[in-house]
Amino acid sequence: GWGLGSFSQEPGTNASFSMWGGILGFGLTAGAIFLLREYLLYMVKAALLEPLAITCMMQVYFPAIEGQTPNPEWEEKLNNASKKFREMVKSRQLGGKQIKCFHLIENF
């Protein structure tokens, strides 16, 4: 018969199956490990490095803008940037007076 015994008598076929099975198994394992490593590295970056970078940037940004007054030309450009932004500016009122875009950004 052509059962398992006959199949095992073909050394070339067995070697080929063993070789491709090993390569495929190793490739899948290596791929899974690579994806897990990339996921974990991204999570570490998101949890630790990004908040640290934002904190450092804020320590430089706030002293740099302290005492500066907004440029009216830029306020006008930002107030007219888009329909959605205009609606957002109009919807935020402070004592019946429209808030300028820079105040929106500062209070965000």
N, C-alpha and C. Protein backbone atom coordinates (compact mmCIF):
# COMPACT_ATOMS: atom_id res chain seq x y z
N GLY A 1 0.79 -1.17 0.00
CA GLY A 1 0.00 0.00 0.00
C GLY A 1 0.85 1.27 0.00
N TRP A 2 0.14 2.31 -0.25
CA TRP A 2 0.77 3.63 -0.29
C TRP A 2 0.49 4.37 1.03
N GLY A 3 0.85 3.84 2.11
CA GLY A 3 0.59 4.46 3.40
C GLY A 3 1.80 5.25 3.87
N LEU A 4 1.87 5.46 5.15
CA LEU A 4 2.94 6.22 5.75
C LEU A 4 4.29 5.53 5.57
N GLY A 5 4.27 4.22 5.56
CA GLY A 5 5.52 3.46 5.36
C GLY A 5 6.13 3.75 4.01
N SER A 6 5.33 3.81 2.97
CA SER A 6 5.84 4.11 1.63
C SER A 6 6.36 5.54 1.55
N PHE A 7 5.66 6.45 2.21
CA PHE A 7 6.06 7.85 2.18
C PHE A 7 7.41 8.02 2.88
N SER A 8 7.62 7.30 3.97
CA SER A 8 8.85 7.45 4.72
C SER A 8 10.05 6.85 4.00
N GLN A 9 9.81 6.09 2.97
CA GLN A 9 10.91 5.48 2.21
C GLN A 9 11.48 6.43 1.17
N GLU A 10 10.93 7.60 1.03
CA GLU A 10 11.41 8.59 0.06
C GLU A 10 12.20 9.66 0.80
N PRO A 11 13.52 9.55 0.89
CA PRO A 11 14.31 10.50 1.68
C PRO A 11 14.27 11.93 1.13
N GLY A 12 14.21 12.12 -0.15
CA GLY A 12 14.17 13.46 -0.73
C GLY A 12 12.91 14.20 -0.36
N THR A 13 11.80 13.50 -0.40
CA THR A 13 10.52 14.10 -0.06
C THR A 13 10.48 14.46 1.42
N ASN A 14 10.96 13.56 2.27
CA ASN A 14 10.96 13.83 3.71
C ASN A 14 11.85 15.02 4.04
N ALA A 15 13.01 15.09 3.44
CA ALA A 15 13.93 16.20 3.70
C ALA A 15 13.30 17.51 3.25
N SER A 16 12.61 17.48 2.12
CA SER A 16 11.98 18.68 1.60
C SER A 16 10.87 19.16 2.55
N PHE A 17 10.03 18.20 2.99
CA PHE A 17 8.97 18.57 3.92
C PHE A 17 9.54 19.09 5.24
N SER A 18 10.58 18.45 5.73
CA SER A 18 11.19 18.87 6.99
C SER A 18 11.80 20.25 6.86
N MET A 19 12.49 20.47 5.74
CA MET A 19 13.14 21.77 5.54
C MET A 19 12.10 22.88 5.46
N TRP A 20 11.07 22.71 4.61
CA TRP A 20 10.08 23.76 4.45
C TRP A 20 9.24 23.94 5.72
N GLY A 21 8.98 22.86 6.43
CA GLY A 21 8.25 22.97 7.68
C GLY A 21 9.03 23.75 8.72
N GLY A 22 10.33 23.50 8.79
CA GLY A 22 11.19 24.23 9.72
C GLY A 22 11.29 25.70 9.37
N ILE A 23 11.45 25.99 8.09
CA ILE A 23 11.55 27.39 7.65
C ILE A 23 10.24 28.12 7.93
N LEU A 24 9.13 27.48 7.60
CA LEU A 24 7.83 28.11 7.82
C LEU A 24 7.57 28.33 9.31
N GLY A 25 7.85 27.32 10.12
CA GLY A 25 7.65 27.44 11.56
C GLY A 25 8.53 28.52 12.16
N PHE A 26 9.79 28.56 11.77
CA PHE A 26 10.70 29.58 12.27
C PHE A 26 10.26 30.97 11.81
N GLY A 27 9.85 31.07 10.56
CA GLY A 27 9.41 32.36 10.01
C GLY A 27 8.19 32.91 10.74
N LEU A 28 7.22 32.04 11.01
CA LEU A 28 6.02 32.48 11.73
C LEU A 28 6.36 32.89 13.15
N THR A 29 7.22 32.13 13.80
CA THR A 29 7.61 32.46 15.18
C THR A 29 8.38 33.78 15.20
N ALA A 30 9.32 33.94 14.28
CA ALA A 30 10.10 35.17 14.23
C ALA A 30 9.20 36.37 13.91
N GLY A 31 8.25 36.18 13.03
CA GLY A 31 7.32 37.25 12.68
C GLY A 31 6.45 37.65 13.87
N ALA A 32 5.98 36.66 14.62
CA ALA A 32 5.16 36.97 15.80
C ALA A 32 5.98 37.70 16.85
N ILE A 33 7.21 37.27 17.05
CA ILE A 33 8.08 37.95 18.02
C ILE A 33 8.36 39.38 17.58
N PHE A 34 8.60 39.58 16.29
CA PHE A 34 8.86 40.93 15.76
C PHE A 34 7.66 41.84 15.99
N LEU A 35 6.45 41.34 15.68
CA LEU A 35 5.25 42.16 15.86
C LEU A 35 5.01 42.47 17.34
N LEU A 36 5.24 41.52 18.21
CA LEU A 36 5.09 41.76 19.64
C LEU A 36 6.10 42.80 20.12
N ARG A 37 7.33 42.71 19.64
CA ARG A 37 8.36 43.67 20.03
C ARG A 37 7.99 45.07 19.57
N GLU A 38 7.54 45.21 18.33
CA GLU A 38 7.16 46.52 17.80
C GLU A 38 5.99 47.11 18.59
N TYR A 39 5.02 46.28 18.94
CA TYR A 39 3.86 46.73 19.71
C TYR A 39 4.30 47.22 21.09
N LEU A 40 5.14 46.45 21.75
CA LEU A 40 5.60 46.84 23.08
C LEU A 40 6.44 48.12 23.04
N LEU A 41 7.29 48.26 22.03
CA LEU A 41 8.09 49.48 21.89
C LEU A 41 7.20 50.70 21.66
N TYR A 42 6.16 50.54 20.86
CA TYR A 42 5.23 51.65 20.62
C TYR A 42 4.51 52.03 21.91
N MET A 43 4.11 51.03 22.69
CA MET A 43 3.41 51.32 23.95
C MET A 43 4.33 52.03 24.95
N VAL A 44 5.59 51.63 25.03
CA VAL A 44 6.54 52.30 25.92
C VAL A 44 6.73 53.75 25.47
N LYS A 45 6.87 53.94 24.16
CA LYS A 45 7.03 55.30 23.63
C LYS A 45 5.81 56.15 23.96
N ALA A 46 4.62 55.60 23.76
CA ALA A 46 3.40 56.36 24.02
C ALA A 46 3.21 56.65 25.50
N ALA A 47 3.61 55.71 26.35
CA ALA A 47 3.36 55.87 27.78
C ALA A 47 4.43 56.70 28.48
N LEU A 48 5.67 56.62 28.04
CA LEU A 48 6.76 57.27 28.76
C LEU A 48 7.41 58.43 28.01
N LEU A 49 7.75 58.21 26.76
CA LEU A 49 8.54 59.21 26.06
C LEU A 49 7.72 60.41 25.59
N GLU A 50 6.52 60.19 25.09
CA GLU A 50 5.73 61.31 24.59
C GLU A 50 5.34 62.30 25.70
N PRO A 51 4.87 61.84 26.86
CA PRO A 51 4.58 62.81 27.93
C PRO A 51 5.83 63.57 28.37
N LEU A 52 6.96 62.90 28.40
CA LEU A 52 8.21 63.57 28.76
C LEU A 52 8.56 64.65 27.73
N ALA A 53 8.42 64.32 26.45
CA ALA A 53 8.72 65.29 25.39
C ALA A 53 7.77 66.49 25.46
N ILE A 54 6.49 66.24 25.70
CA ILE A 54 5.52 67.34 25.79
C ILE A 54 5.83 68.23 26.99
N THR A 55 6.19 67.61 28.12
CA THR A 55 6.54 68.39 29.31
C THR A 55 7.76 69.27 29.05
N CYS A 56 8.78 68.72 28.42
CA CYS A 56 9.98 69.50 28.10
C CYS A 56 9.64 70.65 27.15
N MET A 57 8.79 70.37 26.16
CA MET A 57 8.41 71.41 25.21
C MET A 57 7.63 72.53 25.91
N MET A 58 6.77 72.17 26.85
CA MET A 58 6.00 73.18 27.58
C MET A 58 6.92 74.05 28.45
N GLN A 59 7.97 73.46 29.00
CA GLN A 59 8.91 74.23 29.83
C GLN A 59 9.65 75.27 29.00
N VAL A 60 9.82 75.03 27.73
CA VAL A 60 10.48 76.00 26.86
C VAL A 60 9.45 76.98 26.29
N TYR A 61 8.26 76.48 25.93
CA TYR A 61 7.25 77.28 25.25
C TYR A 61 6.69 78.41 26.13
N PHE A 62 6.27 78.08 27.35
CA PHE A 62 5.61 79.09 28.17
C PHE A 62 6.52 80.25 28.54
N PRO A 63 7.79 80.04 28.93
CA PRO A 63 8.65 81.20 29.17
C PRO A 63 8.90 82.01 27.88
N ALA A 64 8.91 81.35 26.74
CA ALA A 64 9.17 82.05 25.48
C ALA A 64 8.02 82.98 25.09
N ILE A 65 6.78 82.62 25.42
CA ILE A 65 5.64 83.46 25.02
C ILE A 65 5.20 84.41 26.12
N GLU A 66 5.79 84.32 27.30
CA GLU A 66 5.37 85.15 28.42
C GLU A 66 5.55 86.63 28.08
N GLY A 67 4.50 87.40 28.27
CA GLY A 67 4.55 88.84 28.03
C GLY A 67 4.29 89.24 26.59
N GLN A 68 4.16 88.31 25.69
CA GLN A 68 3.89 88.65 24.30
C GLN A 68 2.41 88.93 24.11
N THR A 69 2.11 89.82 23.17
CA THR A 69 0.71 90.10 22.84
C THR A 69 0.43 89.55 21.45
N PRO A 70 -0.78 89.05 21.22
CA PRO A 70 -1.11 88.49 19.92
C PRO A 70 -1.08 89.54 18.82
N ASN A 71 -0.59 89.16 17.66
CA ASN A 71 -0.56 90.01 16.48
C ASN A 71 -1.98 90.05 15.89
N PRO A 72 -2.58 91.23 15.73
CA PRO A 72 -3.96 91.31 15.21
C PRO A 72 -4.12 90.70 13.82
N GLU A 73 -3.08 90.79 12.98
CA GLU A 73 -3.17 90.20 11.64
C GLU A 73 -3.33 88.68 11.74
N TRP A 74 -2.54 88.07 12.63
CA TRP A 74 -2.63 86.62 12.80
C TRP A 74 -3.95 86.22 13.44
N GLU A 75 -4.45 87.03 14.36
CA GLU A 75 -5.75 86.73 14.96
C GLU A 75 -6.82 86.71 13.88
N GLU A 76 -6.77 87.69 12.98
CA GLU A 76 -7.76 87.74 11.90
C GLU A 76 -7.63 86.53 10.98
N LYS A 77 -6.39 86.16 10.65
CA LYS A 77 -6.18 84.98 9.80
C LYS A 77 -6.73 83.72 10.46
N LEU A 78 -6.46 83.56 11.76
CA LEU A 78 -6.93 82.37 12.46
C LEU A 78 -8.44 82.39 12.64
N ASN A 79 -9.00 83.57 12.91
CA ASN A 79 -10.46 83.66 13.06
C ASN A 79 -11.17 83.33 11.76
N ASN A 80 -10.53 83.58 10.64
CA ASN A 80 -11.13 83.30 9.33
C ASN A 80 -10.54 82.06 8.67
N ALA A 81 -9.90 81.21 9.43
CA ALA A 81 -9.21 80.04 8.86
C ALA A 81 -10.18 79.09 8.18
N SER A 82 -11.29 78.80 8.83
CA SER A 82 -12.26 77.87 8.24
C SER A 82 -13.63 78.13 8.84
N LYS A 83 -14.63 77.61 8.19
CA LYS A 83 -16.00 77.77 8.66
C LYS A 83 -16.16 77.13 10.04
N LYS A 84 -15.59 75.95 10.21
CA LYS A 84 -15.69 75.23 11.47
C LYS A 84 -15.02 76.03 12.61
N PHE A 85 -13.86 76.62 12.32
CA PHE A 85 -13.16 77.40 13.34
C PHE A 85 -13.95 78.65 13.69
N ARG A 86 -14.55 79.31 12.69
CA ARG A 86 -15.37 80.50 12.95
C ARG A 86 -16.56 80.13 13.84
N GLU A 87 -17.19 78.99 13.56
CA GLU A 87 -18.32 78.55 14.38
C GLU A 87 -17.87 78.29 15.81
N MET A 88 -16.69 77.71 15.98
CA MET A 88 -16.18 77.43 17.31
C MET A 88 -15.91 78.73 18.06
N VAL A 89 -15.33 79.73 17.38
CA VAL A 89 -15.05 81.01 18.01
C VAL A 89 -16.35 81.70 18.39
N LYS A 90 -17.34 81.66 17.49
CA LYS A 90 -18.62 82.32 17.77
C LYS A 90 -19.38 81.63 18.90
N SER A 91 -19.22 80.31 19.01
CA SER A 91 -19.98 79.58 20.03
C SER A 91 -19.42 79.80 21.44
N ARG A 92 -18.19 80.24 21.55
CA ARG A 92 -17.60 80.49 22.87
C ARG A 92 -17.71 81.98 23.17
N GLN A 93 -18.54 82.29 24.10
CA GLN A 93 -18.77 83.68 24.48
C GLN A 93 -18.25 83.91 25.89
N LEU A 94 -17.78 85.13 26.15
CA LEU A 94 -17.33 85.49 27.50
C LEU A 94 -17.97 86.83 27.85
N GLY A 95 -18.99 86.79 28.67
CA GLY A 95 -19.69 88.00 29.07
C GLY A 95 -20.30 88.74 27.89
N GLY A 96 -20.81 88.01 26.90
CA GLY A 96 -21.43 88.62 25.74
C GLY A 96 -20.43 89.11 24.71
N LYS A 97 -19.15 88.98 24.98
CA LYS A 97 -18.12 89.45 24.05
C LYS A 97 -17.45 88.24 23.40
N GLN A 98 -17.24 88.33 22.09
CA GLN A 98 -16.62 87.21 21.38
C GLN A 98 -15.16 87.04 21.80
N ILE A 99 -14.78 85.80 22.05
CA ILE A 99 -13.40 85.50 22.44
C ILE A 99 -12.54 85.39 21.19
N LYS A 100 -11.36 85.96 21.23
CA LYS A 100 -10.44 85.86 20.11
C LYS A 100 -9.83 84.46 20.08
N CYS A 101 -9.29 84.08 18.93
CA CYS A 101 -8.79 82.72 18.77
C CYS A 101 -7.63 82.41 19.71
N PHE A 102 -6.78 83.37 20.02
CA PHE A 102 -5.65 83.09 20.90
C PHE A 102 -6.13 82.77 22.30
N HIS A 103 -7.23 83.38 22.72
CA HIS A 103 -7.77 83.06 24.03
C HIS A 103 -8.31 81.63 24.05
N LEU A 104 -8.86 81.17 22.94
CA LEU A 104 -9.33 79.79 22.85
C LEU A 104 -8.17 78.83 23.03
N ILE A 105 -7.06 79.13 22.39
CA ILE A 105 -5.90 78.25 22.45
C ILE A 105 -5.31 78.26 23.86
N GLU A 106 -5.21 79.43 24.49
CA GLU A 106 -4.65 79.51 25.83
C GLU A 106 -5.52 78.76 26.84
N ASN A 107 -6.84 78.80 26.68
CA ASN A 107 -7.74 78.19 27.65
C ASN A 107 -8.08 76.75 27.30
N PHE A 108 -7.52 76.22 26.25
CA PHE A 108 -7.82 74.86 25.82
C PHE A 108 -7.19 73.89 26.71
